[in-house]
Amino acid sequence: MGFTGTGKVWMNGTMVEWADATVHIASHVIHYGTGVFEGIRCYDTPKGSVVFRLDPHMRRLYDSARIYRMDYGVGVDALTTAVLDTIRANGLKACYIRPLIYRGYEALGVNPFPCPVDACILVWEWGAYLGNDAQAKGVDICVSSWHRAAPNTFPSLAKTTANYANAGLIKMEATLDGFAEGIALDTLGYVSEGSGQNIFLVRDKVLYTPPVSAAILPGITRDSVTTIARDLGYEVRESLIQREALYIADEAFFVGTAVEVTPIRSIDHIVVGSGTPGPITKAIQQRYFDIINGAVPDTHGWLTAVDVPVGAGGR
């Protein structure tokens, strides 16, 4: 996931060189985590480059900013256009997209209001998030000792930089213990989500996923997979999931912008199903990739075409 150190970054309406995309060390976001962001993917398909579910991602970005009282002063449509402009400026047929709205440099103190609201958009090439064979073979994960935040503490509906300090603790613990990922429980002990992914379980051909009340971020990919599963004729239930249900699932998989649809092979060293991706997981995974790769019609209007000129951005 390393950067090349080249390319263009959109900052407050101006394209700047990657090395010049900086903020002051006294910026409020650095000290107090006052930033909201999105993770979006652009895919290279036989019919050209497409951004997956761009509008819902950008709406959630502005919803997050609203919750944190950050009025950027530029409408969502204009920033959405800036995303497409940034992709074109970098000449990337496929990339990961990171728009960020944050509190900048003016004063330091817990009160963020004196600080300006700034925005930037980065794009870069993105590889396999959990390993090159994760989507084909599945991953081994654990239940983390870290829980998601209780209601009325951190807003889980907002995708904010501050919330990802918790995600980092989950990820580091799992990594140090030899797992690809960790699953957090909520404060009542019910299954919540991974460090940066939503989770689905399959039991007796029914799909289960935790509700918003379990301190999850309601993922755009989660919503997409729910739609795909129902299109394929499967029943999907949002319900509170007990920890032990993880160990008796027939199938389990993560979903998210980074992981896309990644099967789970084992949880806390207990093998899920047969230890290989199950038939429902594979069916949903196949349909998901068929959609983003343009192999089947985009009947839900999820793909935004972007004309990427050859050689733009010097790459």
Protein backbone atom coordinates (compact mmCIF):
# COMPACT_ATOMS: atom_id res chain seq x y z
CA MET A 1 0.00 0.00 0.00
CA GLY A 2 3.04 2.26 -0.25
CA PHE A 3 3.00 5.56 -2.12
CA THR A 4 5.06 6.39 -5.19
CA GLY A 5 5.55 9.96 -3.99
CA THR A 6 4.44 11.38 -7.32
CA GLY A 7 1.21 12.68 -8.79
CA LYS A 8 -1.29 15.42 -8.01
CA VAL A 9 -3.35 16.11 -4.90
CA TRP A 10 -6.44 18.33 -4.86
CA MET A 11 -6.26 20.80 -1.96
CA ASN A 12 -8.97 23.40 -1.50
CA GLY A 13 -9.58 23.72 -5.22
CA THR A 14 -5.97 23.60 -6.41
CA MET A 15 -3.99 20.68 -7.84
CA VAL A 16 -0.62 20.53 -6.13
CA GLU A 17 2.33 18.19 -6.46
CA TRP A 18 2.28 15.18 -4.13
CA ALA A 19 5.34 16.41 -2.19
CA ASP A 20 3.73 19.81 -1.69
CA ALA A 21 0.43 18.45 -0.27
CA THR A 22 1.20 19.42 3.33
CA VAL A 23 -0.50 20.89 6.40
CA HIS A 24 1.00 22.77 9.32
CA ILE A 25 2.05 20.68 12.31
CA ALA A 26 -0.26 22.81 14.47
CA SER A 27 -3.32 21.92 12.40
CA HIS A 28 -6.24 20.94 14.61
CA VAL A 29 -6.78 17.61 12.84
CA ILE A 30 -3.32 16.39 13.83
CA HIS A 31 -3.84 17.03 17.53
CA TYR A 32 -7.53 16.26 17.97
CA GLY A 33 -8.56 13.99 15.10
CA THR A 34 -11.03 16.49 13.66
CA GLY A 35 -11.31 15.04 10.17
CA VAL A 36 -13.85 13.02 8.21
CA PHE A 37 -13.05 10.97 5.14
CA GLU A 38 -14.13 8.38 2.62
CA GLY A 39 -12.52 5.41 0.90
CA ILE A 40 -13.70 4.90 -2.67
CA ARG A 41 -12.46 2.76 -5.56
CA CYS A 42 -12.05 3.44 -9.24
CA TYR A 43 -11.88 0.31 -11.40
CA ASP A 44 -10.42 -0.23 -14.85
CA THR A 45 -13.00 -2.13 -16.92
CA PRO A 46 -13.13 -3.15 -20.60
CA LYS A 47 -15.52 -0.21 -21.09
CA GLY A 48 -13.27 2.31 -19.34
CA SER A 49 -12.66 3.53 -15.81
CA VAL A 50 -15.58 3.60 -13.37
CA VAL A 51 -15.96 4.79 -9.79
CA PHE A 52 -18.02 2.47 -7.59
CA ARG A 53 -20.94 4.14 -5.81
CA LEU A 54 -19.38 7.60 -5.85
CA ASP A 55 -22.52 9.56 -4.91
CA PRO A 56 -23.40 7.57 -1.75
CA HIS A 57 -19.79 7.84 -0.58
CA MET A 58 -19.75 11.59 -1.08
CA ARG A 59 -23.11 11.99 0.64
CA ARG A 60 -21.78 10.07 3.65
CA LEU A 61 -18.70 12.32 3.68
CA TYR A 62 -20.93 15.37 3.99
CA ASP A 63 -23.13 13.62 6.56
CA SER A 64 -20.02 12.95 8.65
CA ALA A 65 -18.94 16.58 8.32
CA ARG A 66 -22.40 17.74 9.38
CA ILE A 67 -22.32 15.59 12.51
CA TYR A 68 -18.97 17.18 13.43
CA ARG A 69 -20.20 20.70 12.58
CA MET A 70 -17.70 21.14 9.77
CA ASP A 71 -19.15 23.27 6.98
CA TYR A 72 -16.66 23.22 4.15
CA GLY A 73 -18.58 25.80 2.15
CA VAL A 74 -18.38 23.84 -1.10
CA GLY A 75 -21.33 21.71 -2.11
CA VAL A 76 -21.22 17.95 -2.48
CA ASP A 77 -21.68 18.14 -6.26
CA ALA A 78 -18.63 20.36 -6.66
CA LEU A 79 -16.45 18.12 -4.51
CA THR A 80 -17.71 15.07 -6.41
CA THR A 81 -16.59 16.71 -9.64
CA ALA A 82 -13.23 17.42 -7.98
CA VAL A 83 -12.84 13.69 -7.28
CA LEU A 84 -13.22 12.91 -10.97
CA ASP A 85 -10.86 15.76 -11.88
CA THR A 86 -8.22 14.37 -9.50
CA ILE A 87 -8.43 10.91 -11.07
CA ARG A 88 -7.97 12.44 -14.53
CA ALA A 89 -5.10 14.65 -13.37
CA ASN A 90 -3.22 11.58 -12.15
CA GLY A 91 -3.95 9.46 -15.21
CA LEU A 92 -4.85 6.40 -13.16
CA LYS A 93 -7.19 3.92 -14.79
CA ALA A 94 -7.73 2.22 -11.43
CA CYS A 95 -7.09 3.72 -8.00
CA TYR A 96 -8.14 4.17 -4.40
CA ILE A 97 -9.71 7.58 -3.65
CA ARG A 98 -9.45 9.39 -0.32
CA PRO A 99 -11.42 12.65 0.07
CA LEU A 100 -10.83 14.28 3.46
CA ILE A 101 -12.49 17.25 5.15
CA TYR A 102 -10.60 18.46 8.20
CA ARG A 103 -9.94 21.26 10.65
CA GLY A 104 -6.80 23.15 9.68
CA TYR A 105 -4.39 25.68 11.15
CA GLU A 106 -5.45 28.64 13.29
CA ALA A 107 -5.43 27.83 17.01
CA LEU A 108 -4.98 24.86 19.33
CA GLY A 109 -7.44 23.84 21.98
CA VAL A 110 -10.23 21.32 22.25
CA ASN A 111 -12.70 23.81 20.75
CA PRO A 112 -12.37 23.35 16.97
CA PHE A 113 -14.48 26.32 15.88
CA PRO A 114 -11.62 28.85 15.49
CA CYS A 115 -9.92 26.57 12.94
CA PRO A 116 -10.76 26.64 9.23
CA VAL A 117 -12.41 23.71 7.49
CA ASP A 118 -10.19 22.47 4.65
CA ALA A 119 -10.43 19.60 2.18
CA CYS A 120 -8.18 17.47 0.03
CA ILE A 121 -8.47 14.52 -2.35
CA LEU A 122 -5.77 11.89 -2.81
CA VAL A 123 -5.70 9.03 -5.30
CA TRP A 124 -3.18 6.21 -5.55
CA GLU A 125 -2.76 2.70 -6.86
CA TRP A 126 -4.08 0.08 -4.47
CA GLY A 127 -3.22 -3.59 -4.12
CA ALA A 128 -4.78 -6.50 -2.26
CA TYR A 129 -5.61 -5.26 1.24
CA LEU A 130 -5.44 -8.54 3.18
CA GLY A 131 -2.99 -10.39 0.94
CA ASN A 132 -2.89 -11.60 -2.65
CA ASP A 133 -4.76 -14.85 -2.00
CA ALA A 134 -7.25 -13.55 0.59
CA GLN A 135 -10.23 -13.37 -1.74
CA ALA A 136 -9.58 -16.83 -3.17
CA LYS A 137 -8.68 -18.70 0.04
CA GLY A 138 -10.05 -16.59 2.86
CA VAL A 139 -8.39 -15.11 5.94
CA ASP A 140 -7.85 -16.12 9.56
CA ILE A 141 -9.20 -13.60 12.06
CA CYS A 142 -9.80 -13.17 15.79
CA VAL A 143 -12.22 -11.48 18.15
CA SER A 144 -10.46 -8.42 19.49
CA SER A 145 -10.16 -7.46 23.15
CA TRP A 146 -10.99 -3.91 22.05
CA HIS A 147 -14.68 -2.98 21.79
CA ARG A 148 -16.42 -0.40 19.64
CA ALA A 149 -17.57 2.78 21.32
CA ALA A 150 -20.75 2.92 23.39
CA PRO A 151 -23.71 4.93 22.09
CA ASN A 152 -23.49 8.68 22.63
CA THR A 153 -19.70 8.65 22.94
CA PHE A 154 -18.25 8.66 19.40
CA PRO A 155 -20.78 8.83 16.55
CA SER A 156 -20.38 5.52 14.71
CA LEU A 157 -22.42 6.81 11.76
CA ALA A 158 -19.62 9.27 10.98
CA LYS A 159 -16.50 8.08 9.19
CA THR A 160 -14.07 10.18 11.17
CA THR A 161 -10.31 10.03 11.63
CA ALA A 162 -10.73 9.96 15.42
CA ASN A 163 -12.77 6.76 15.33
CA TYR A 164 -9.97 4.98 13.51
CA ALA A 165 -7.69 5.18 16.53
CA ASN A 166 -9.91 2.38 17.85
CA ALA A 167 -9.59 0.58 14.51
CA GLY A 168 -5.81 0.82 14.71
CA LEU A 169 -5.77 -0.85 18.11
CA ILE A 170 -7.89 -3.71 16.76
CA LYS A 171 -5.69 -4.13 13.70
CA MET A 172 -2.40 -4.02 15.61
CA GLU A 173 -3.56 -6.56 18.17
CA ALA A 174 -4.69 -8.95 15.45
CA THR A 175 -1.46 -8.51 13.48
CA LEU A 176 0.78 -9.11 16.48
CA ASP A 177 -1.19 -12.24 17.33
CA GLY A 178 -0.74 -13.62 13.82
CA PHE A 179 -4.19 -12.90 12.38
CA ALA A 180 -5.14 -10.99 9.25
CA GLU A 181 -7.86 -9.01 11.01
CA GLY A 182 -9.84 -8.59 14.20
CA ILE A 183 -13.56 -8.39 14.92
CA ALA A 184 -14.74 -5.88 17.50
CA LEU A 185 -17.73 -6.47 19.74
CA ASP A 186 -19.97 -3.64 20.88
CA THR A 187 -20.20 -2.60 24.53
CA LEU A 188 -22.93 -5.18 25.16
CA GLY A 189 -20.81 -7.98 23.74
CA TYR A 190 -22.57 -8.37 20.40
CA VAL A 191 -20.64 -8.63 17.12
CA SER A 192 -19.96 -5.21 15.61
CA GLU A 193 -17.43 -5.12 12.73
CA GLY A 194 -13.81 -5.51 11.73
CA SER A 195 -11.24 -2.76 12.07
CA GLY A 196 -12.43 -1.29 8.78
CA GLN A 197 -14.91 -3.81 7.38
CA ASN A 198 -18.47 -4.97 7.90
CA ILE A 199 -19.14 -8.66 8.41
CA PHE A 200 -21.73 -11.15 7.17
CA LEU A 201 -22.41 -14.63 8.52
CA VAL A 202 -24.29 -17.43 6.74
CA ARG A 203 -26.28 -19.99 8.69
CA ASP A 204 -28.70 -22.41 7.00
CA LYS A 205 -28.56 -20.33 3.79
CA VAL A 206 -29.65 -17.13 5.55
CA LEU A 207 -27.28 -14.15 5.73
CA TYR A 208 -26.91 -12.21 8.96
CA THR A 209 -25.18 -8.86 9.50
CA PRO A 210 -25.08 -6.62 12.58
CA PRO A 211 -27.46 -3.63 12.68
CA VAL A 212 -26.47 0.01 12.95
CA SER A 213 -27.27 -0.19 16.68
CA ALA A 214 -24.23 -2.48 17.13
CA ALA A 215 -21.90 0.53 16.69
CA ILE A 216 -21.08 -0.23 13.07
CA LEU A 217 -20.31 2.17 10.28
CA PRO A 218 -23.10 1.42 7.79
CA GLY A 219 -20.87 0.58 4.86
CA ILE A 220 -21.64 1.37 1.23
CA THR A 221 -20.26 -2.06 0.26
CA ARG A 222 -22.41 -3.62 3.00
CA ASP A 223 -25.46 -2.02 1.41
CA SER A 224 -24.35 -3.19 -2.03
CA VAL A 225 -23.80 -6.78 -0.87
CA THR A 226 -27.21 -6.82 0.82
CA THR A 227 -28.76 -5.81 -2.49
CA ILE A 228 -26.72 -8.37 -4.44
CA ALA A 229 -27.64 -11.17 -2.03
CA ARG A 230 -31.33 -10.39 -2.32
CA ASP A 231 -31.04 -10.15 -6.11
CA LEU A 232 -29.61 -13.68 -6.01
CA GLY A 233 -32.58 -14.89 -3.97
CA TYR A 234 -30.98 -15.06 -0.52
CA GLU A 235 -32.59 -13.83 2.67
CA VAL A 236 -30.62 -11.15 4.54
CA ARG A 237 -31.36 -10.29 8.17
CA GLU A 238 -29.96 -7.40 10.18
CA SER A 239 -29.87 -8.63 13.76
CA LEU A 240 -27.80 -8.61 16.91
CA ILE A 241 -25.24 -11.42 16.66
CA GLN A 242 -23.81 -13.15 19.71
CA ARG A 243 -20.10 -13.85 19.77
CA GLU A 244 -20.58 -17.60 19.79
CA ALA A 245 -22.58 -17.37 16.55
CA LEU A 246 -19.27 -16.59 14.85
CA TYR A 247 -18.02 -20.08 15.72
CA ILE A 248 -20.97 -21.98 14.30
CA ALA A 249 -21.48 -20.05 11.07
CA ASP A 250 -21.57 -22.06 7.86
CA GLU A 251 -19.84 -19.20 6.05
CA ALA A 252 -18.50 -15.76 6.95
CA PHE A 253 -17.04 -12.91 4.96
CA PHE A 254 -15.87 -9.30 5.26
CA VAL A 255 -17.08 -6.53 2.97
CA GLY A 256 -15.71 -3.04 2.44
CA THR A 257 -14.08 -0.75 -0.09
CA ALA A 258 -10.62 -2.10 0.69
CA VAL A 259 -11.44 -5.79 1.21
CA GLU A 260 -14.31 -5.85 -1.35
CA VAL A 261 -15.75 -9.33 -0.57
CA THR A 262 -13.21 -11.41 1.36
CA PRO A 263 -14.07 -14.85 2.81
CA ILE A 264 -13.21 -15.64 6.43
CA ARG A 265 -11.48 -19.00 6.86
CA SER A 266 -11.29 -19.22 10.63
CA ILE A 267 -12.21 -17.19 13.74
CA ASP A 268 -10.18 -17.60 16.92
CA HIS A 269 -8.65 -20.76 15.37
CA ILE A 270 -12.11 -22.28 14.84
CA VAL A 271 -12.58 -23.22 11.20
CA VAL A 272 -15.56 -21.62 9.48
CA GLY A 273 -17.55 -24.28 7.62
CA SER A 274 -15.20 -26.43 5.57
CA GLY A 275 -12.37 -23.90 5.83
CA THR A 276 -12.81 -22.82 2.21
CA PRO A 277 -15.04 -20.10 0.74
CA GLY A 278 -18.64 -21.32 0.79
CA PRO A 279 -21.08 -21.34 -2.11
CA ILE A 280 -23.07 -18.28 -1.02
CA THR A 281 -19.91 -16.27 -0.37
CA LYS A 282 -18.56 -17.22 -3.79
CA ALA A 283 -21.83 -16.39 -5.54
CA ILE A 284 -22.00 -12.94 -3.96
CA GLN A 285 -18.30 -12.35 -4.57
CA GLN A 286 -18.65 -13.32 -8.23
CA ARG A 287 -21.64 -11.03 -8.80
CA TYR A 288 -19.87 -8.16 -7.03
CA PHE A 289 -16.80 -8.46 -9.24
CA ASP A 290 -18.92 -8.95 -12.35
CA ILE A 291 -20.62 -5.64 -11.62
CA ILE A 292 -17.48 -3.61 -10.91
CA ASN A 293 -15.66 -5.16 -13.89
CA GLY A 294 -18.53 -4.47 -16.28
CA ALA A 295 -19.22 -8.14 -17.01
CA VAL A 296 -22.93 -7.72 -16.20
CA PRO A 297 -25.22 -4.71 -16.64
CA ASP A 298 -25.10 -2.03 -13.95
CA THR A 299 -28.81 -2.30 -13.20
CA HIS A 300 -28.54 -0.33 -9.94
CA GLY A 301 -26.66 2.64 -11.36
CA TRP A 302 -23.64 2.08 -9.12
CA LEU A 303 -20.88 2.94 -11.59
CA THR A 304 -19.78 6.47 -12.52
CA ALA A 305 -17.73 6.61 -15.71
CA VAL A 306 -14.58 8.73 -15.71
CA ASP A 307 -12.63 9.44 -18.89
CA VAL A 308 -8.98 9.09 -17.92
CA PRO A 309 -6.68 10.52 -20.61
CA VAL A 310 -3.64 8.46 -21.49
CA GLY A 311 -0.43 9.89 -20.05
CA ALA A 312 -2.11 12.47 -17.80
CA GLY A 313 -0.32 13.28 -14.58
CA GLY A 314 3.02 12.10 -15.98
CA ARG A 315 2.43 8.41 -15.20
